[in-house]
Protein backbone atom coordinates (compact mmCIF):
# COMPACT_ATOMS: atom_id res chain seq x y z
CA MET A 1 76.90 29.89 31.89
CA GLU A 2 73.49 28.28 32.79
CA VAL A 3 74.96 24.72 32.52
CA ILE A 4 77.69 25.85 35.00
CA THR A 5 75.40 27.51 37.67
CA LYS A 6 72.85 23.63 37.31
CA ASN A 7 75.50 21.52 37.70
CA TRP A 8 78.19 23.45 39.56
CA VAL A 9 78.17 20.30 42.12
CA ASN A 10 78.94 17.81 39.30
CA LEU A 11 81.43 20.42 38.27
CA ALA A 12 83.15 20.25 41.81
CA VAL A 13 82.97 16.80 42.02
CA LEU A 14 84.41 16.08 38.84
CA LEU A 15 87.39 19.05 39.82
CA LEU A 16 88.20 17.48 42.91
CA GLN A 17 88.78 14.52 40.69
CA CYS A 18 91.24 15.52 38.71
CA GLY A 19 93.30 17.05 41.58
CA PHE A 20 92.59 20.54 40.42
CA LEU A 21 91.26 21.52 44.36
CA GLU A 22 93.81 19.75 45.98
CA PHE A 23 96.70 21.60 43.50
CA GLY A 24 95.29 24.71 44.43
CA TYR A 25 95.17 24.42 48.13
CA ARG A 26 98.52 23.51 47.81
CA LEU A 27 99.25 26.88 45.75
CA TYR A 28 97.10 29.30 48.35
CA LYS A 29 99.14 27.45 51.28
CA ASP A 30 102.74 27.81 50.18
CA TYR A 31 101.60 31.55 49.11
CA LYS A 32 99.57 31.80 53.00
CA LYS A 33 103.39 30.41 53.96
CA HIS A 34 105.77 32.76 52.25
CA GLN A 35 103.67 36.41 52.82
CA SER A 36 104.37 35.08 56.93
CA GLU A 37 107.81 34.77 56.01
CA ARG A 38 108.07 37.93 54.30
CA GLU A 39 106.05 40.00 56.94
CA SER A 40 108.21 38.13 59.62
CA LYS A 41 111.28 39.32 57.64
CA ASN A 42 109.73 43.40 57.30
CA LYS A 43 109.06 43.65 60.45
CA ALA A 44 112.63 41.74 61.69
CA ILE A 45 113.85 44.91 59.45
CA ASP A 46 111.50 47.78 60.61
CA VAL A 47 113.19 46.81 63.78
CA ALA A 48 116.42 47.07 63.52
CA ILE A 49 116.98 50.46 61.28
CA ARG A 50 114.55 52.00 64.22
CA SER A 51 117.06 50.98 66.22
CA LEU A 52 119.80 52.25 63.95
CA LEU A 53 117.63 55.55 64.07
CA ARG A 54 117.29 55.73 67.48
CA THR A 55 121.29 55.20 68.32
CA GLU A 56 122.01 57.77 65.35
CA ILE A 57 119.60 60.58 67.09
CA ILE A 58 121.02 59.72 70.82
CA SER A 59 124.38 59.96 69.38
CA LEU A 60 123.74 63.03 67.02
CA CYS A 61 121.40 65.31 70.00
CA TYR A 62 124.25 63.84 72.32
CA LYS A 63 126.98 65.58 70.23
CA ALA A 64 124.89 68.70 69.64
CA GLU A 65 124.30 69.23 73.63
CA THR A 66 128.15 68.99 74.52
CA GLN A 67 129.50 71.35 72.12
CA GLY A 68 126.16 73.73 72.29
CA TYR A 69 124.13 74.43 69.04
CA ILE A 70 123.94 71.52 66.40
CA ALA A 71 125.61 72.08 63.01
CA LEU A 72 123.09 73.25 59.83
CA TYR A 73 124.27 69.61 58.17
CA ASN A 74 123.43 67.82 61.32
CA LEU A 75 120.11 69.47 61.70
CA GLU A 76 118.32 68.18 58.50
CA SER A 77 119.85 64.34 58.86
CA LEU A 78 118.39 65.08 62.55
CA THR A 79 114.91 65.93 61.46
CA ASP A 80 114.36 63.52 58.85
CA MET A 81 115.85 60.47 60.92
CA TYR A 82 113.18 61.68 63.61
CA GLN A 83 110.71 61.47 61.37
CA ALA A 84 111.42 58.08 60.05
CA TYR A 85 111.55 56.63 63.45
CA HIS A 86 108.39 58.07 64.05
CA GLU A 87 106.98 56.36 61.27
CA LEU A 88 108.20 53.21 61.68
CA GLY A 89 106.62 52.64 65.47
CA GLY A 90 109.49 54.44 67.22
CA ASN A 91 107.94 55.57 70.93
CA GLY A 92 108.54 58.85 72.59
CA SER A 93 111.16 58.67 74.59
CA ILE A 94 113.54 59.91 71.93
CA SER A 95 110.93 63.60 71.53
CA GLU A 96 112.28 65.08 74.88
CA ILE A 97 115.64 64.65 73.30
CA TYR A 98 115.52 65.94 70.07
CA GLN A 99 113.39 68.23 71.27
CA LYS A 100 115.98 69.84 73.32
CA ALA A 101 118.60 69.46 70.27
CA MET A 102 116.75 71.42 68.22
CA LYS A 103 116.17 73.95 71.16
CA LEU A 104 120.35 74.81 70.73
CA PRO A 105 121.29 76.95 68.21
CA ASN A 106 122.02 76.36 64.81
CA MET A 107 125.64 77.68 63.22
CA SER A 108 126.96 76.63 59.91
CA VAL A 109 130.52 75.40 59.93
CA HIS A 110 133.58 75.51 57.65
CA ARG A 111 136.48 73.56 58.55
CA GLU A 112 139.37 75.60 57.33
CA VAL A 113 142.30 73.67 55.33
């Protein structure tokens, strides 16, 4: 270990001459490029999912408001979607619509065949 600490400059020059540093730099550069691409794709996926959640939340809230009640089977889905929407960075514009739907009476809907 003492040899390395005393001769680190010589070791660096040797590695440079052998091409190891260039190889390592290329690996690092490729890694950063792929990481950047993954981050861009993940952001796009988050935006797409958030948009889909927003559309579905608005649809369910509109349906509930039109009917004058919210079906129990929609209540849990609506709550889960609302929480996921905000965790993905959704803004507060949906909150008012969601709160109106939550104030509606809950109803168990049974369909007779």
